[in-house]
């Protein structure tokens, strides 16, 4: 007797849950929301952080810092953003370059005897800049 009551109770609860689910589904699908309750959603555009303070990448391939060379003419090459302007400075002159469409640049620079401080600066169109300094020594002595 207990077994049959338990089975009938289980079946009744299962049928009740299924019927309640069906009724709730039809209620939700036919529900009408009045127009005065619906509020429009406005999306404010967010300014990307990169446009506020642009970081100008600058990578110098040649020359390496603290290089000792035995020629007066050295190659300066590297990579930055394609829209930047490159300024290469030493004591007596400045060279201004525009990188290629890929952002690469290369030029020859004549250095003085002894220690030479070279400053390479990449300036973006918005005015942000990144600077890397290199110390190059000209010497004809062999080590």
Protein backbone atom coordinates (compact mmCIF):
# COMPACT_ATOMS: atom_id res chain seq x y z
CA UNK A 1 0.00 0.00 0.00
CA UNK A 2 2.80 2.41 0.83
CA UNK A 3 4.55 1.67 -2.42
CA UNK A 4 1.46 2.51 -4.53
CA UNK A 5 0.88 5.79 -2.62
CA UNK A 6 4.48 6.84 -3.16
CA UNK A 7 4.28 6.13 -6.92
CA UNK A 8 0.94 7.99 -7.26
CA UNK A 9 2.33 11.00 -5.34
CA UNK A 10 5.42 11.10 -7.56
CA UNK A 11 3.31 10.94 -10.75
CA UNK A 12 0.95 13.69 -9.46
CA UNK A 13 3.86 16.02 -8.58
CA UNK A 14 5.53 15.42 -11.96
CA UNK A 15 2.29 16.14 -13.87
CA UNK A 16 1.74 19.29 -11.74
CA UNK A 17 5.23 20.62 -12.52
CA UNK A 18 4.79 19.97 -16.26
CA UNK A 19 1.35 21.65 -16.37
CA UNK A 20 2.65 24.66 -14.36
CA UNK A 21 5.60 25.02 -16.77
CA UNK A 22 3.33 24.97 -19.82
CA UNK A 23 0.97 27.58 -18.31
CA UNK A 24 3.90 29.83 -17.33
CA UNK A 25 5.38 29.58 -20.85
CA UNK A 26 2.10 30.62 -22.51
CA UNK A 27 1.63 33.46 -20.01
CA UNK A 28 5.11 34.86 -20.74
CA UNK A 29 4.80 34.52 -24.52
CA UNK A 30 1.45 36.34 -24.67
CA UNK A 31 2.31 39.05 -22.14
CA UNK A 32 1.96 42.61 -23.50
CA UNK A 33 4.09 45.40 -22.03
CA UNK A 34 2.55 48.92 -22.19
CA UNK A 35 4.54 51.52 -24.17
CA UNK A 36 4.84 53.91 -21.21
CA UNK A 37 6.83 51.32 -19.22
CA UNK A 38 9.42 50.69 -21.97
CA UNK A 39 12.45 52.95 -21.51
CA UNK A 40 14.83 53.60 -24.42
CA UNK A 41 18.47 52.63 -23.96
CA UNK A 42 21.09 55.16 -25.00
CA UNK A 43 24.68 54.15 -25.62
CA UNK A 44 27.37 56.75 -25.10
CA UNK A 45 30.46 56.15 -27.23
CA UNK A 46 33.60 55.61 -25.20
CA UNK A 47 36.82 57.18 -26.41
CA UNK A 48 39.54 54.55 -26.65
CA UNK A 49 42.46 55.08 -24.29
CA UNK A 50 44.97 54.84 -27.15
CA UNK A 51 43.60 58.04 -28.73
CA UNK A 52 43.94 60.00 -25.46
CA UNK A 53 47.59 59.19 -24.86
CA UNK A 54 49.08 57.44 -27.84
CA UNK A 55 52.11 55.30 -27.13
CA UNK A 56 54.59 55.49 -29.98
CA UNK A 57 56.54 52.24 -30.28
CA UNK A 58 60.18 52.61 -31.26
CA UNK A 59 62.62 49.75 -31.77
CA UNK A 60 66.22 50.37 -32.85
CA UNK A 61 67.93 47.48 -34.65
CA UNK A 62 71.22 49.27 -35.38
CA UNK A 63 73.40 50.50 -33.79
CA UNK A 64 73.50 48.65 -30.48
CA UNK A 65 74.15 50.74 -27.39
CA UNK A 66 77.84 51.03 -26.41
CA UNK A 67 79.02 49.78 -29.84
CA UNK A 68 82.66 50.43 -30.80
CA UNK A 69 83.06 50.91 -34.55
CA UNK A 70 86.05 51.47 -36.83
CA UNK A 71 84.21 53.30 -39.62
CA UNK A 72 82.96 56.88 -39.57
CA UNK A 73 79.72 55.98 -41.34
CA UNK A 74 77.18 53.92 -39.37
CA UNK A 75 73.71 52.64 -40.24
CA UNK A 76 70.80 53.59 -38.03
CA UNK A 77 67.75 51.41 -38.58
CA UNK A 78 64.65 50.42 -36.71
CA UNK A 79 60.87 50.32 -36.66
CA UNK A 80 58.04 52.55 -35.44
CA UNK A 81 54.49 53.38 -36.52
CA UNK A 82 54.18 54.26 -40.24
CA UNK A 83 52.69 57.70 -39.55
CA UNK A 84 55.49 58.84 -37.22
CA UNK A 85 58.37 61.18 -37.97
CA UNK A 86 61.87 60.05 -36.99
CA UNK A 87 64.40 62.59 -35.71
CA UNK A 88 68.02 61.41 -35.38
CA UNK A 89 70.20 63.86 -33.47
CA UNK A 90 73.89 64.07 -32.72
CA UNK A 91 76.00 66.99 -31.50
CA UNK A 92 76.30 68.83 -34.80
CA UNK A 93 73.29 67.74 -36.89
CA UNK A 94 69.71 66.48 -36.97
CA UNK A 95 68.27 64.14 -39.59
CA UNK A 96 64.51 63.89 -40.16
CA UNK A 97 63.10 60.71 -41.73
CA UNK A 98 59.69 59.33 -42.59
CA UNK A 99 59.31 55.57 -42.12
CA UNK A 100 58.03 53.26 -44.86
CA UNK A 101 54.44 51.98 -45.01
CA UNK A 102 55.56 49.14 -42.72
CA UNK A 103 57.11 51.55 -40.22
CA UNK A 104 60.74 50.67 -40.94
CA UNK A 105 63.46 53.28 -41.38
CA UNK A 106 67.18 53.30 -42.17
CA UNK A 107 69.82 55.95 -42.82
CA UNK A 108 73.57 56.48 -42.77
CA UNK A 109 75.10 58.80 -40.20
CA UNK A 110 78.66 60.10 -40.09
CA UNK A 111 80.07 60.10 -36.56
CA UNK A 112 82.97 61.98 -34.97
CA UNK A 113 86.14 60.58 -33.41
CA UNK A 114 85.72 59.20 -29.90
CA UNK A 115 82.39 58.91 -28.08
CA UNK A 116 79.19 59.94 -29.92
CA UNK A 117 75.78 60.42 -28.28
CA UNK A 118 72.97 59.69 -30.75
CA UNK A 119 69.33 60.38 -29.91
CA UNK A 120 66.58 58.73 -31.97
CA UNK A 121 63.06 60.12 -31.45
CA UNK A 122 59.79 58.91 -32.95
CA UNK A 123 57.05 61.57 -33.00
CA UNK A 124 53.43 60.60 -33.74
CA UNK A 125 51.07 62.92 -35.67
CA UNK A 126 49.35 63.77 -32.36
CA UNK A 127 52.66 64.95 -30.86
CA UNK A 128 53.44 62.00 -28.61
CA UNK A 129 57.06 60.91 -28.73
CA UNK A 130 59.40 58.13 -27.70
CA UNK A 131 63.16 58.63 -27.46
CA UNK A 132 66.04 56.14 -27.38
CA UNK A 133 69.66 57.15 -26.85
CA UNK A 134 72.68 55.26 -28.15
CA UNK A 135 76.36 55.78 -27.29
CA UNK A 136 78.68 54.84 -30.16
CA UNK A 137 82.46 55.05 -29.96
CA UNK A 138 84.69 55.46 -33.01
CA UNK A 139 88.10 53.85 -32.56
CA UNK A 140 90.66 52.36 -34.95
CA UNK A 141 92.48 50.47 -32.18
CA UNK A 142 92.04 46.73 -32.09
CA UNK A 143 91.06 45.13 -28.80
